[in-house]
Amino acid sequence: MPSIELLLALLIGVLTAGGVWLLLRARSFDVILGLTLLSYAVNVFIFAMGRVRVGAPPIIGGKTPATLATMADPLPQALVLTAIVISFAMTALLLVIALRARAETGSDHVDGREEGGDGR
């Protein structure tokens, strides 16, 4: 049975690979999706840095070194919540800019002009 660390590493790798692949495309919507996938990959990576413990409570009452070593770190969780808000705002801004660029140029190619027949 695969461990949760292996599944998280695979998830981060797949999100990163998909994001980079979409970033290298020539359409603005693909680039926006690629940036979104990369931000998801970074969020999962930061969240995984707070120790992955299955079945452990996030907050423990005692302050002994043994109980402090088993509790989850709240700092990565707070960083991920902040990053989610920032990435949502960034995605909304990029979508508005892409829609405006499409209205101005008539194309969603990142250079604003089509290459050949269908632009791909």
PDB file of N, CA and C in Angstrom:
ATOM      1  N   MET A   1       0.845  -1.174   0.000  1.00  0.00           N
ATOM      2  CA  MET A   1       0.000   0.000   0.000  1.00  0.00           C
ATOM      3  C   MET A   1       0.894   1.241   0.000  1.00  0.00           C
ATOM      4  N   PRO A   2       0.669   2.167  -0.940  1.00  0.00           N
ATOM      5  CA  PRO A   2       1.526   3.360  -0.988  1.00  0.00           C
ATOM      6  C   PRO A   2       1.266   4.267   0.205  1.00  0.00           C
ATOM      7  N   SER A   3       2.312   4.933   0.619  1.00  0.00           N
ATOM      8  CA  SER A   3       2.185   5.830   1.764  1.00  0.00           C
ATOM      9  C   SER A   3       1.605   7.173   1.311  1.00  0.00           C
ATOM     10  N   ILE A   4       1.145   7.933   2.283  1.00  0.00           N
ATOM     11  CA  ILE A   4       0.548   9.234   1.984  1.00  0.00           C
ATOM     12  C   ILE A   4       1.603  10.195   1.451  1.00  0.00           C
ATOM     13  N   GLU A   5       2.860  10.038   1.883  1.00  0.00           N
ATOM     14  CA  GLU A   5       3.927  10.900   1.381  1.00  0.00           C
ATOM     15  C   GLU A   5       4.171  10.667  -0.100  1.00  0.00           C
ATOM     16  N   LEU A   6       4.116   9.395  -0.521  1.00  0.00           N
ATOM     17  CA  LEU A   6       4.289   9.073  -1.931  1.00  0.00           C
ATOM     18  C   LEU A   6       3.141   9.637  -2.764  1.00  0.00           C
ATOM     19  N   LEU A   7       1.926   9.522  -2.265  1.00  0.00           N
ATOM     20  CA  LEU A   7       0.779  10.070  -2.991  1.00  0.00           C
ATOM     21  C   LEU A   7       0.858  11.600  -3.093  1.00  0.00           C
ATOM     22  N   LEU A   8       1.295  12.268  -2.027  1.00  0.00           N
ATOM     23  CA  LEU A   8       1.448  13.719  -2.082  1.00  0.00           C
ATOM     24  C   LEU A   8       2.547  14.123  -3.059  1.00  0.00           C
ATOM     25  N   ALA A   9       3.653  13.376  -3.062  1.00  0.00           N
ATOM     26  CA  ALA A   9       4.729  13.681  -3.997  1.00  0.00           C
ATOM     27  C   ALA A   9       4.270  13.492  -5.442  1.00  0.00           C
ATOM     28  N   LEU A  10       3.510  12.437  -5.699  1.00  0.00           N
ATOM     29  CA  LEU A  10       2.981  12.225  -7.051  1.00  0.00           C
ATOM     30  C   LEU A  10       1.998  13.323  -7.443  1.00  0.00           C
ATOM     31  N   LEU A  11       1.147  13.732  -6.522  1.00  0.00           N
ATOM     32  CA  LEU A  11       0.198  14.809  -6.796  1.00  0.00           C
ATOM     33  C   LEU A  11       0.927  16.103  -7.120  1.00  0.00           C
ATOM     34  N   ILE A  12       1.928  16.436  -6.339  1.00  0.00           N
ATOM     35  CA  ILE A  12       2.701  17.659  -6.586  1.00  0.00           C
ATOM     36  C   ILE A  12       3.403  17.582  -7.937  1.00  0.00           C
ATOM     37  N   GLY A  13       3.971  16.419  -8.259  1.00  0.00           N
ATOM     38  CA  GLY A  13       4.652  16.245  -9.541  1.00  0.00           C
ATOM     39  C   GLY A  13       3.714  16.354 -10.724  1.00  0.00           C
ATOM     40  N   VAL A  14       2.538  15.746 -10.628  1.00  0.00           N
ATOM     41  CA  VAL A  14       1.564  15.799 -11.730  1.00  0.00           C
ATOM     42  C   VAL A  14       1.043  17.225 -11.919  1.00  0.00           C
ATOM     43  N   LEU A  15       0.734  17.907 -10.833  1.00  0.00           N
ATOM     44  CA  LEU A  15       0.267  19.292 -10.933  1.00  0.00           C
ATOM     45  C   LEU A  15       1.341  20.197 -11.532  1.00  0.00           C
ATOM     46  N   THR A  16       2.589  20.006 -11.117  1.00  0.00           N
ATOM     47  CA  THR A  16       3.678  20.816 -11.651  1.00  0.00           C
ATOM     48  C   THR A  16       3.902  20.534 -13.132  1.00  0.00           C
ATOM     49  N   ALA A  17       3.926  19.261 -13.507  1.00  0.00           N
ATOM     50  CA  ALA A  17       4.141  18.903 -14.915  1.00  0.00           C
ATOM     51  C   ALA A  17       3.009  19.425 -15.794  1.00  0.00           C
ATOM     52  N   GLY A  18       1.775  19.274 -15.339  1.00  0.00           N
ATOM     53  CA  GLY A  18       0.647  19.800 -16.107  1.00  0.00           C
ATOM     54  C   GLY A  18       0.684  21.308 -16.219  1.00  0.00           C
ATOM     55  N   GLY A  19       1.056  21.981 -15.146  1.00  0.00           N
ATOM     56  CA  GLY A  19       1.148  23.438 -15.168  1.00  0.00           C
ATOM     57  C   GLY A  19       2.225  23.942 -16.111  1.00  0.00           C
ATOM     58  N   VAL A  20       3.391  23.312 -16.087  1.00  0.00           N
ATOM     59  CA  VAL A  20       4.471  23.720 -16.992  1.00  0.00           C
ATOM     60  C   VAL A  20       4.088  23.441 -18.437  1.00  0.00           C
ATOM     61  N   TRP A  21       3.464  22.297 -18.694  1.00  0.00           N
ATOM     62  CA  TRP A  21       3.045  21.970 -20.058  1.00  0.00           C
ATOM     63  C   TRP A  21       2.038  22.993 -20.581  1.00  0.00           C
ATOM     64  N   LEU A  22       1.091  23.386 -19.741  1.00  0.00           N
ATOM     65  CA  LEU A  22       0.109  24.380 -20.170  1.00  0.00           C
ATOM     66  C   LEU A  22       0.723  25.772 -20.314  1.00  0.00           C
ATOM     67  N   LEU A  23       1.729  26.086 -19.502  1.00  0.00           N
ATOM     68  CA  LEU A  23       2.390  27.384 -19.630  1.00  0.00           C
ATOM     69  C   LEU A  23       3.117  27.527 -20.956  1.00  0.00           C
ATOM     70  N   LEU A  24       3.568  26.425 -21.519  1.00  0.00           N
ATOM     71  CA  LEU A  24       4.318  26.470 -22.772  1.00  0.00           C
ATOM     72  C   LEU A  24       3.425  26.502 -24.004  1.00  0.00           C
ATOM     73  N   ARG A  25       2.126  26.494 -23.815  1.00  0.00           N
ATOM     74  CA  ARG A  25       1.193  26.565 -24.937  1.00  0.00           C
ATOM     75  C   ARG A  25       1.087  28.012 -25.420  1.00  0.00           C
ATOM     76  N   ALA A  26       0.518  28.203 -26.608  1.00  0.00           N
ATOM     77  CA  ALA A  26       0.486  29.537 -27.206  1.00  0.00           C
ATOM     78  C   ALA A  26      -0.855  30.243 -27.033  1.00  0.00           C
ATOM     79  N   ARG A  27      -1.726  29.715 -26.211  1.00  0.00           N
ATOM     80  CA  ARG A  27      -3.035  30.332 -25.976  1.00  0.00           C
ATOM     81  C   ARG A  27      -3.080  30.915 -24.570  1.00  0.00           C
ATOM     82  N   SER A  28      -3.698  32.077 -24.442  1.00  0.00           N
ATOM     83  CA  SER A  28      -3.698  32.748 -23.144  1.00  0.00           C
ATOM     84  C   SER A  28      -4.508  31.977 -22.102  1.00  0.00           C
ATOM     85  N   PHE A  29      -5.596  31.323 -22.511  1.00  0.00           N
ATOM     86  CA  PHE A  29      -6.379  30.548 -21.540  1.00  0.00           C
ATOM     87  C   PHE A  29      -5.569  29.364 -21.004  1.00  0.00           C
ATOM     88  N   ASP A  30      -4.778  28.719 -21.875  1.00  0.00           N
ATOM     89  CA  ASP A  30      -3.912  27.624 -21.422  1.00  0.00           C
ATOM     90  C   ASP A  30      -2.859  28.115 -20.439  1.00  0.00           C
ATOM     91  N   VAL A  31      -2.322  29.301 -20.693  1.00  0.00           N
ATOM     92  CA  VAL A  31      -1.323  29.871 -19.788  1.00  0.00           C
ATOM     93  C   VAL A  31      -1.943  30.158 -18.415  1.00  0.00           C
ATOM     94  N   ILE A  32      -3.164  30.662 -18.408  1.00  0.00           N
ATOM     95  CA  ILE A  32      -3.849  30.947 -17.129  1.00  0.00           C
ATOM     96  C   ILE A  32      -4.102  29.652 -16.368  1.00  0.00           C
ATOM     97  N   LEU A  33      -4.550  28.611 -17.081  1.00  0.00           N
ATOM     98  CA  LEU A  33      -4.747  27.316 -16.421  1.00  0.00           C
ATOM     99  C   LEU A  33      -3.434  26.746 -15.901  1.00  0.00           C
ATOM    100  N   GLY A  34      -2.352  26.926 -16.648  1.00  0.00           N
ATOM    101  CA  GLY A  34      -1.040  26.455 -16.207  1.00  0.00           C
ATOM    102  C   GLY A  34      -0.579  27.151 -14.939  1.00  0.00           C
ATOM    103  N   LEU A  35      -0.773  28.462 -14.882  1.00  0.00           N
ATOM    104  CA  LEU A  35      -0.420  29.194 -13.663  1.00  0.00           C
ATOM    105  C   LEU A  35      -1.267  28.750 -12.479  1.00  0.00           C
ATOM    106  N   THR A  36      -2.534  28.460 -12.739  1.00  0.00           N
ATOM    107  CA  THR A  36      -3.410  27.988 -11.670  1.00  0.00           C
ATOM    108  C   THR A  36      -2.954  26.629 -11.154  1.00  0.00           C
ATOM    109  N   LEU A  37      -2.613  25.723 -12.064  1.00  0.00           N
ATOM    110  CA  LEU A  37      -2.119  24.404 -11.635  1.00  0.00           C
ATOM    111  C   LEU A  37      -0.810  24.520 -10.863  1.00  0.00           C
ATOM    112  N   LEU A  38       0.066  25.408 -11.302  1.00  0.00           N
ATOM    113  CA  LEU A  38       1.317  25.604 -10.564  1.00  0.00           C
ATOM    114  C   LEU A  38       1.069  26.172  -9.170  1.00  0.00           C
ATOM    115  N   SER A  39       0.102  27.063  -9.048  1.00  0.00           N
ATOM    116  CA  SER A  39      -0.195  27.592  -7.709  1.00  0.00           C
ATOM    117  C   SER A  39      -0.784  26.504  -6.812  1.00  0.00           C
ATOM    118  N   TYR A  40      -1.604  25.610  -7.390  1.00  0.00           N
ATOM    119  CA  TYR A  40      -2.104  24.472  -6.612  1.00  0.00           C
ATOM    120  C   TYR A  40      -0.955  23.570  -6.158  1.00  0.00           C
ATOM    121  N   ALA A  41       0.004  23.333  -7.051  1.00  0.00           N
ATOM    122  CA  ALA A  41       1.149  22.484  -6.701  1.00  0.00           C
ATOM    123  C   ALA A  41       1.959  23.098  -5.570  1.00  0.00           C
ATOM    124  N   VAL A  42       2.166  24.395  -5.626  1.00  0.00           N
ATOM    125  CA  VAL A  42       2.913  25.071  -4.561  1.00  0.00           C
ATOM    126  C   VAL A  42       2.132  25.019  -3.249  1.00  0.00           C
ATOM    127  N   ASN A  43       0.808  25.188  -3.309  1.00  0.00           N
ATOM    128  CA  ASN A  43      -0.008  25.122  -2.090  1.00  0.00           C
ATOM    129  C   ASN A  43       0.067  23.743  -1.448  1.00  0.00           C
ATOM    130  N   VAL A  44      -0.026  22.691  -2.246  1.00  0.00           N
ATOM    131  CA  VAL A  44       0.066  21.331  -1.695  1.00  0.00           C
ATOM    132  C   VAL A  44       1.456  21.085  -1.134  1.00  0.00           C
ATOM    133  N   PHE A  45       2.486  21.607  -1.807  1.00  0.00           N
ATOM    134  CA  PHE A  45       3.856  21.445  -1.319  1.00  0.00           C
ATOM    135  C   PHE A  45       4.039  22.139   0.028  1.00  0.00           C
ATOM    136  N   ILE A  46       3.564  23.371   0.149  1.00  0.00           N
ATOM    137  CA  ILE A  46       3.689  24.092   1.422  1.00  0.00           C
ATOM    138  C   ILE A  46       2.892  23.387   2.511  1.00  0.00           C
ATOM    139  N   PHE A  47       1.707  22.908   2.161  1.00  0.00           N
ATOM    140  CA  PHE A  47       0.889  22.203   3.151  1.00  0.00           C
ATOM    141  C   PHE A  47       1.575  20.914   3.614  1.00  0.00           C
ATOM    142  N   ALA A  48       2.252  20.228   2.710  1.00  0.00           N
ATOM    143  CA  ALA A  48       2.944  18.988   3.074  1.00  0.00           C
ATOM    144  C   ALA A  48       4.157  19.248   3.964  1.00  0.00           C
ATOM    145  N   MET A  49       4.688  20.458   3.953  1.00  0.00           N
ATOM    146  CA  MET A  49       5.839  20.779   4.793  1.00  0.00           C
ATOM    147  C   MET A  49       5.469  20.844   6.273  1.00  0.00           C
ATOM    148  N   GLY A  50       4.169  20.903   6.588  1.00  0.00           N
ATOM    149  CA  GLY A  50       3.719  20.974   7.976  1.00  0.00           C
ATOM    150  C   GLY A  50       3.556  19.613   8.616  1.00  0.00           C
ATOM    151  N   ARG A  51       4.284  18.621   8.169  1.00  0.00           N
ATOM    152  CA  ARG A  51       4.232  17.241   8.673  1.00  0.00           C
ATOM    153  C   ARG A  51       2.906  16.586   8.364  1.00  0.00           C
ATOM    154  N   VAL A  52       2.968  15.503   7.656  1.00  0.00           N
ATOM    155  CA  VAL A  52       1.776  14.742   7.298  1.00  0.00           C
ATOM    156  C   VAL A  52       1.588  13.662   8.345  1.00  0.00           C
ATOM    157  N   ARG A  53       0.540  13.779   9.123  1.00  0.00           N
ATOM    158  CA  ARG A  53       0.208  12.800  10.163  1.00  0.00           C
ATOM    159  C   ARG A  53      -1.228  12.369   9.953  1.00  0.00           C
ATOM    160  N   VAL A  54      -1.430  11.088   9.728  1.00  0.00           N
ATOM    161  CA  VAL A  54      -2.775  10.554   9.539  1.00  0.00           C
ATOM    162  C   VAL A  54      -3.332  10.158  10.895  1.00  0.00           C
ATOM    163  N   GLY A  55      -4.507  10.662  11.235  1.00  0.00           N
ATOM    164  CA  GLY A  55      -5.175  10.312  12.479  1.00  0.00           C
ATOM    165  C   GLY A  55      -4.680  11.051  13.701  1.00  0.00           C
ATOM    166  N   ALA A  56      -3.742  12.001  13.548  1.00  0.00           N
ATOM    167  CA  ALA A  56      -3.239  12.765  14.683  1.00  0.00           C
ATOM    168  C   ALA A  56      -4.043  14.058  14.820  1.00  0.00           C
ATOM    169  N   PRO A  57      -4.365  14.459  16.048  1.00  0.00           N
ATOM    170  CA  PRO A  57      -5.108  15.710  16.220  1.00  0.00           C
ATOM    171  C   PRO A  57      -4.222  16.903  15.873  1.00  0.00           C
ATOM    172  N   PRO A  58      -4.793  17.978  15.315  1.00  0.00           N
ATOM    173  CA  PRO A  58      -3.990  19.136  14.951  1.00  0.00           C
ATOM    174  C   PRO A  58      -3.515  19.946  16.158  1.00  0.00           C
ATOM    175  N   ILE A  59      -4.259  19.895  17.250  1.00  0.00           N
ATOM    176  CA  ILE A  59      -3.882  20.646  18.452  1.00  0.00           C
ATOM    177  C   ILE A  59      -3.899  19.689  19.636  1.00  0.00           C
ATOM    178  N   ILE A  60      -2.822  19.694  20.402  1.00  0.00           N
ATOM    179  CA  ILE A  60      -2.703  18.826  21.572  1.00  0.00           C
ATOM    180  C   ILE A  60      -2.536  19.720  22.796  1.00  0.00           C
ATOM    181  N   GLY A  61      -3.196  19.367  23.891  1.00  0.00           N
ATOM    182  CA  GLY A  61      -3.193  20.204  25.079  1.00  0.00           C
ATOM    183  C   GLY A  61      -1.864  20.325  25.787  1.00  0.00           C
ATOM    184  N   GLY A  62      -1.067  19.260  25.846  1.00  0.00           N
ATOM    185  CA  GLY A  62       0.178  19.290  26.621  1.00  0.00           C
ATOM    186  C   GLY A  62       1.278  20.067  25.926  1.00  0.00           C
ATOM    187  N   LYS A  63       2.287  20.482  26.708  1.00  0.00           N
ATOM    188  CA  LYS A  63       3.412  21.217  26.148  1.00  0.00           C
ATOM    189  C   LYS A  63       4.718  20.467  26.348  1.00  0.00           C
ATOM    190  N   THR A  64       4.652  19.167  26.523  1.00  0.00           N
ATOM    191  CA  THR A  64       5.868  18.385  26.665  1.00  0.00           C
ATOM    192  C   THR A  64       6.501  18.200  25.295  1.00  0.00           C
ATOM    193  N   PRO A  65       7.808  17.964  25.229  1.00  0.00           N
ATOM    194  CA  PRO A  65       8.460  17.782  23.927  1.00  0.00           C
ATOM    195  C   PRO A  65       7.883  16.606  23.126  1.00  0.00           C
ATOM    196  N   ALA A  66       7.400  15.578  23.811  1.00  0.00           N
ATOM    197  CA  ALA A  66       6.837  14.434  23.088  1.00  0.00           C
ATOM    198  C   ALA A  66       5.533  14.805  22.386  1.00  0.00           C
ATOM    199  N   THR A  67       4.694  15.613  23.019  1.00  0.00           N
ATOM    200  CA  THR A  67       3.435  15.989  22.377  1.00  0.00           C
ATOM    201  C   THR A  67       3.653  17.068  21.326  1.00  0.00           C
ATOM    202  N   LEU A  68       4.643  17.938  21.516  1.00  0.00           N
ATOM    203  CA  LEU A  68       4.922  18.968  20.511  1.00  0.00           C
ATOM    204  C   LEU A  68       5.466  18.361  19.229  1.00  0.00           C
ATOM    205  N   ALA A  69       6.162  17.232  19.329  1.00  0.00           N
ATOM    206  CA  ALA A  69       6.718  16.590  18.141  1.00  0.00           C
ATOM    207  C   ALA A  69       5.649  15.911  17.296  1.00  0.00           C
ATOM    208  N   THR A  70       4.503  15.586  17.879  1.00  0.00           N
ATOM    209  CA  THR A  70       3.472  14.879  17.116  1.00  0.00           C
ATOM    210  C   THR A  70       2.384  15.793  16.574  1.00  0.00           C
ATOM    211  N   MET A  71       2.339  17.046  16.999  1.00  0.00           N
ATOM    212  CA  MET A  71       1.266  17.908  16.511  1.00  0.00           C
ATOM    213  C   MET A  71       1.643  18.556  15.184  1.00  0.00           C
ATOM    214  N   ALA A  72       0.641  18.945  14.420  1.00  0.00           N
ATOM    215  CA  ALA A  72       0.854  19.559  13.118  1.00  0.00           C
ATOM    216  C   ALA A  72       1.325  21.005  13.285  1.00  0.00           C
ATOM    217  N   ASP A  73       2.099  21.458  12.321  1.00  0.00           N
ATOM    218  CA  ASP A  73       2.592  22.826  12.337  1.00  0.00           C
ATOM    219  C   ASP A  73       1.535  23.742  11.730  1.00  0.00           C
ATOM    220  N   PRO A  74       1.018  24.741  12.456  1.00  0.00           N
ATOM    221  CA  PRO A  74      -0.041  25.591  11.908  1.00  0.00           C
ATOM    222  C   PRO A  74       0.453  26.643  10.915  1.00  0.00           C
ATOM    223  N   LEU A  75       1.762  26.935  10.884  1.00  0.00           N
ATOM    224  CA  LEU A  75       2.264  27.981   9.994  1.00  0.00           C
ATOM    225  C   LEU A  75       2.059  27.644   8.509  1.00  0.00           C
ATOM    226  N   PRO A  76       2.395  26.440   8.036  1.00  0.00           N
ATOM    227  CA  PRO A  76       2.113  26.145   6.623  1.00  0.00           C
ATOM    228  C   PRO A  76       0.631  26.208   6.282  1.00  0.00           C
ATOM    229  N   GLN A  77      -0.225  25.856   7.220  1.00  0.00           N
ATOM    230  CA  GLN A  77      -1.660  25.937   6.966  1.00  0.00           C
ATOM    231  C   GLN A  77      -2.093  27.392   6.770  1.00  0.00           C
ATOM    232  N   ALA A  78      -1.561  28.285   7.577  1.00  0.00           N
ATOM    233  CA  ALA A  78      -1.881  29.705   7.426  1.00  0.00           C
ATOM    234  C   ALA A  78      -1.313  30.258   6.122  1.00  0.00           C
ATOM    235  N   LEU A  79      -0.108  29.814   5.749  1.00  0.00           N
ATOM    236  CA  LEU A  79       0.480  30.260   4.488  1.00  0.00           C
ATOM    237  C   LEU A  79      -0.333  29.788   3.291  1.00  0.00           C
ATOM    238  N   VAL A  80      -0.833  28.569   3.339  1.00  0.00           N
ATOM    239  CA  VAL A  80      -1.637  28.044   2.238  1.00  0.00           C
ATOM    240  C   VAL A  80      -2.951  28.796   2.127  1.00  0.00           C
ATOM    241  N   LEU A  81      -3.587  29.106   3.241  1.00  0.00           N
ATOM    242  CA  LEU A  81      -4.828  29.886   3.183  1.00  0.00           C
ATOM    243  C   LEU A  81      -4.598  31.250   2.556  1.00  0.00           C
ATOM    244  N   THR A  82      -3.494  31.887   2.901  1.00  0.00           N
ATOM    245  CA  THR A  82      -3.167  33.174   2.298  1.00  0.00           C
ATOM    246  C   THR A  82      -2.873  33.019   0.813  1.00  0.00           C
ATOM    247  N   ALA A  83      -2.147  31.970   0.452  1.00  0.00           N
ATOM    248  CA  ALA A  83      -1.803  31.741  -0.955  1.00  0.00           C
ATOM    249  C   ALA A  83      -3.035  31.427  -1.790  1.00  0.00           C
ATOM    250  N   ILE A  84      -4.020  30.756  -1.224  1.00  0.00           N
ATOM    251  CA  ILE A  84      -5.256  30.468  -1.958  1.00  0.00           C
ATOM    252  C   ILE A  84      -5.976  31.765  -2.322  1.00  0.00           C
ATOM    253  N   VAL A  85      -6.048  32.695  -1.384  1.00  0.00           N
ATOM    254  CA  VAL A  85      -6.708  33.973  -1.647  1.00  0.00           C
ATOM    255  C   VAL A  85      -5.946  34.763  -2.705  1.00  0.00           C
ATOM    256  N   ILE A  86      -4.627  34.790  -2.594  1.00  0.00           N
ATOM    257  CA  ILE A  86      -3.815  35.530  -3.558  1.00  0.00           C
ATOM    258  C   ILE A  86      -3.916  34.908  -4.946  1.00  0.00           C
ATOM    259  N   SER A  87      -3.878  33.573  -5.030  1.00  0.00           N
ATOM    260  CA  SER A  87      -3.947  32.926  -6.346  1.00  0.00           C
ATOM    261  C   SER A  87      -5.332  33.096  -6.976  1.00  0.00           C
ATOM    262  N   PHE A  88      -6.383  33.136  -6.174  1.00  0.00           N
ATOM    263  CA  PHE A  88      -7.716  33.392  -6.721  1.00  0.00           C
ATOM    264  C   PHE A  88      -7.794  34.792  -7.305  1.00  0.00           C
ATOM    265  N   ALA A  89      -7.255  35.772  -6.607  1.00  0.00           N
ATOM    266  CA  ALA A  89      -7.254  37.144  -7.114  1.00  0.00           C
ATOM    267  C   ALA A  89      -6.397  37.259  -8.366  1.00  0.00           C
ATOM    268  N   MET A  90      -5.258  36.577  -8.380  1.00  0.00           N
ATOM    269  CA  MET A  90      -4.382  36.609  -9.555  1.00  0.00           C
ATOM    270  C   MET A  90      -5.075  35.979 -10.762  1.00  0.00           C
ATOM    271  N   THR A  91      -5.775  34.865 -10.556  1.00  0.00           N
ATOM    272  CA  THR A  91      -6.479  34.204 -11.651  1.00  0.00           C
ATOM    273  C   THR A  91      -7.601  35.082 -12.192  1.00  0.00           C
ATOM    274  N   ALA A  92      -8.332  35.734 -11.312  1.00  0.00           N
ATOM    275  CA  ALA A  92      -9.405  36.628 -11.757  1.00  0.00           C
ATOM    276  C   ALA A  92      -8.838  37.793 -12.565  1.00  0.00           C
ATOM    277  N   LEU A  93      -7.738  38.377 -12.112  1.00  0.00           N
ATOM    278  CA  LEU A  93      -7.120  39.476 -12.841  1.00  0.00           C
ATOM    279  C   LEU A  93      -6.624  39.021 -14.212  1.00  0.00           C
ATOM    280  N   LEU A  94      -5.977  37.865 -14.274  1.00  0.00           N
ATOM    281  CA  LEU A  94      -5.482  37.352 -15.551  1.00  0.00           C
ATOM    282  C   LEU A  94      -6.619  37.047 -16.518  1.00  0.00           C
ATOM    283  N   LEU A  95      -7.736  36.530 -16.006  1.00  0.00           N
ATOM    284  CA  LEU A  95      -8.879  36.272 -16.882  1.00  0.00           C
ATOM    285  C   LEU A  95      -9.446  37.562 -17.466  1.00  0.00           C
ATOM    286  N   VAL A  96      -9.518  38.604 -16.665  1.00  0.00           N
ATOM    287  CA  VAL A  96     -10.010  39.890 -17.160  1.00  0.00           C
ATOM    288  C   VAL A  96      -9.063  40.443 -18.226  1.00  0.00           C
ATOM    289  N   ILE A  97      -7.759  40.341 -17.974  1.00  0.00           N
ATOM    290  CA  ILE A  97      -6.790  40.829 -18.953  1.00  0.00           C
ATOM    291  C   ILE A  97      -6.864  40.002 -20.237  1.00  0.00           C
ATOM    292  N   ALA A  98      -7.015  38.691 -20.124  1.00  0.00           N
ATOM    293  CA  ALA A  98      -7.100  37.831 -21.311  1.00  0.00           C
ATOM    294  C   ALA A  98      -8.367  38.115 -22.112  1.00  0.00           C
ATOM    295  N   LEU A  99      -9.482  38.331 -21.427  1.00  0.00           N
ATOM    296  CA  LEU A  99     -10.718  38.657 -22.139  1.00  0.00           C
ATOM    297  C   LEU A  99     -10.608  40.007 -22.844  1.00  0.00           C
ATOM    298  N   ARG A 100      -9.987  40.969 -22.208  1.00  0.00           N
ATOM    299  CA  ARG A 100      -9.802  42.277 -22.839  1.00  0.00           C
ATOM    300  C   ARG A 100      -8.858  42.178 -24.037  1.00  0.00           C
ATOM    301  N   ALA A 101      -7.791  41.397 -23.902  1.00  0.00           N
ATOM    302  CA  ALA A 101      -6.864  41.223 -25.017  1.00  0.00           C
ATOM    303  C   ALA A 101      -7.534  40.513 -26.181  1.00  0.00           C
ATOM    304  N   ARG A 102      -8.393  39.556 -25.883  1.00  0.00           N
ATOM    305  CA  ARG A 102      -9.124  38.865 -26.960  1.00  0.00           C
ATOM    306  C   ARG A 102     -10.091  39.816 -27.652  1.00  0.00           C
ATOM    307  N   ALA A 103     -10.732  40.682 -26.889  1.00  0.00           N
ATOM    308  CA  ALA A 103     -11.649  41.643 -27.494  1.00  0.00           C
ATOM    309  C   ALA A 103     -10.897  42.649 -28.370  1.00  0.00           C
ATOM    310  N   GLU A 104      -9.703  43.034 -27.959  1.00  0.00           N
ATOM    311  CA  GLU A 104      -8.922  44.011 -28.721  1.00  0.00           C
ATOM    312  C   GLU A 104      -8.292  43.407 -29.970  1.00  0.00           C
ATOM    313  N   THR A 105      -7.732  42.191 -29.857  1.00  0.00           N
ATOM    314  CA  THR A 105      -6.981  41.603 -30.974  1.00  0.00           C
ATOM    315  C   THR A 105      -7.786  40.622 -31.801  1.00  0.00           C
ATOM    316  N   GLY A 106      -8.869  40.093 -31.243  1.00  0.00           N
ATOM    317  CA  GLY A 106      -9.651  39.094 -31.969  1.00  0.00           C
ATOM    318  C   GLY A 106      -9.060  37.699 -31.897  1.00  0.00           C
ATOM    319  N   SER A 107      -8.053  37.497 -31.072  1.00  0.00           N
ATOM    320  CA  SER A 107      -7.402  36.193 -30.939  1.00  0.00           C
ATOM    321  C   SER A 107      -6.982  35.994 -29.491  1.00  0.00           C
ATOM    322  N   ASP A 108      -6.904  34.743 -29.062  1.00  0.00           N
ATOM    323  CA  ASP A 108      -6.386  34.493 -27.715  1.00  0.00           C
ATOM    324  C   ASP A 108      -4.967  33.933 -27.759  1.00  0.00           C
ATOM    325  N   HIS A 109      -4.291  34.117 -28.880  1.00  0.00           N
ATOM    326  CA  HIS A 109      -2.875  33.757 -28.986  1.00  0.00           C
ATOM    327  C   HIS A 109      -2.082  34.711 -28.104  1.00  0.00           C
ATOM    328  N   VAL A 110      -1.036  34.223 -27.455  1.00  0.00           N
ATOM    329  CA  VAL A 110      -0.305  35.056 -26.499  1.00  0.00           C
ATOM    330  C   VAL A 110       0.382  36.226 -27.177  1.00  0.00           C
ATOM    331  N   ASP A 111       0.714  36.114 -28.467  1.00  0.00           N
ATOM    332  CA  ASP A 111       1.322  37.232 -29.194  1.00  0.00           C
ATOM    333  C   ASP A 111       0.283  38.156 -29.803  1.00  0.00           C
ATOM    334  N   GLY A 112      -0.983  37.757 -29.796  1.00  0.00           N
ATOM    335  CA  GLY A 112      -2.029  38.580 -30.342  1.00  0.00           C
ATOM    336  C   GLY A 112      -2.239  38.401 -31.831  1.00  0.00           C
ATOM    337  N   ARG A 113      -1.511  37.464 -32.439  1.00  0.00           N
ATOM    338  CA  ARG A 113      -1.698  37.223 -33.874  1.00  0.00           C
ATOM    339  C   ARG A 113      -1.686  35.723 -34.138  1.00  0.00           C
ATOM    340  N   GLU A 114      -2.402  35.310 -35.120  1.00  0.00           N
ATOM    341  CA  GLU A 114      -2.495  33.906 -35.479  1.00  0.00           C
ATOM    342  C   GLU A 114      -1.317  33.507 -36.365  1.00  0.00           C
ATOM    343  N   GLU A 115      -0.868  32.270 -36.227  1.00  0.00           N
ATOM    344  CA  GLU A 115       0.191  31.743 -37.076  1.00  0.00           C
ATOM    345  C   GLU A 115      -0.422  30.721 -38.027  1.00  0.00           C
ATOM    346  N   GLY A 116      -0.568  31.042 -39.269  1.00  0.00           N
ATOM    347  CA  GLY A 116      -1.131  30.109 -40.220  1.00  0.00           C
ATOM    348  C   GLY A 116      -2.648  30.070 -40.169  1.00  0.00           C
ATOM    349  N   GLY A 117      -3.208  28.893 -40.503  1.00  0.00           N
ATOM    350  CA  GLY A 117      -4.660  28.744 -40.615  1.00  0.00           C
ATOM    351  C   GLY A 117      -5.391  28.802 -39.298  1.00  0.00           C
ATOM    352  N   ASP A 118      -5.095  27.862 -38.393  1.00  0.00           N
ATOM    353  CA  ASP A 118      -5.863  27.838 -37.141  1.00  0.00           C
ATOM    354  C   ASP A 118      -5.076  28.386 -35.966  1.00  0.00           C
ATOM    355  N   GLY A 119      -3.823  28.772 -36.177  1.00  0.00           N
ATOM    356  CA  GLY A 119      -3.045  29.409 -35.110  1.00  0.00           C
ATOM    357  C   GLY A 119      -2.389  28.451 -34.152  1.00  0.00           C
ATOM    358  N   ARG A 120      -2.371  27.156 -34.444  1.00  0.00           N
ATOM    359  CA  ARG A 120      -1.744  26.198 -33.519  1.00  0.00           C
ATOM    360  C   ARG A 120      -0.422  25.722 -34.010  1.00  0.00           C
TER     361      ARG A 120
END
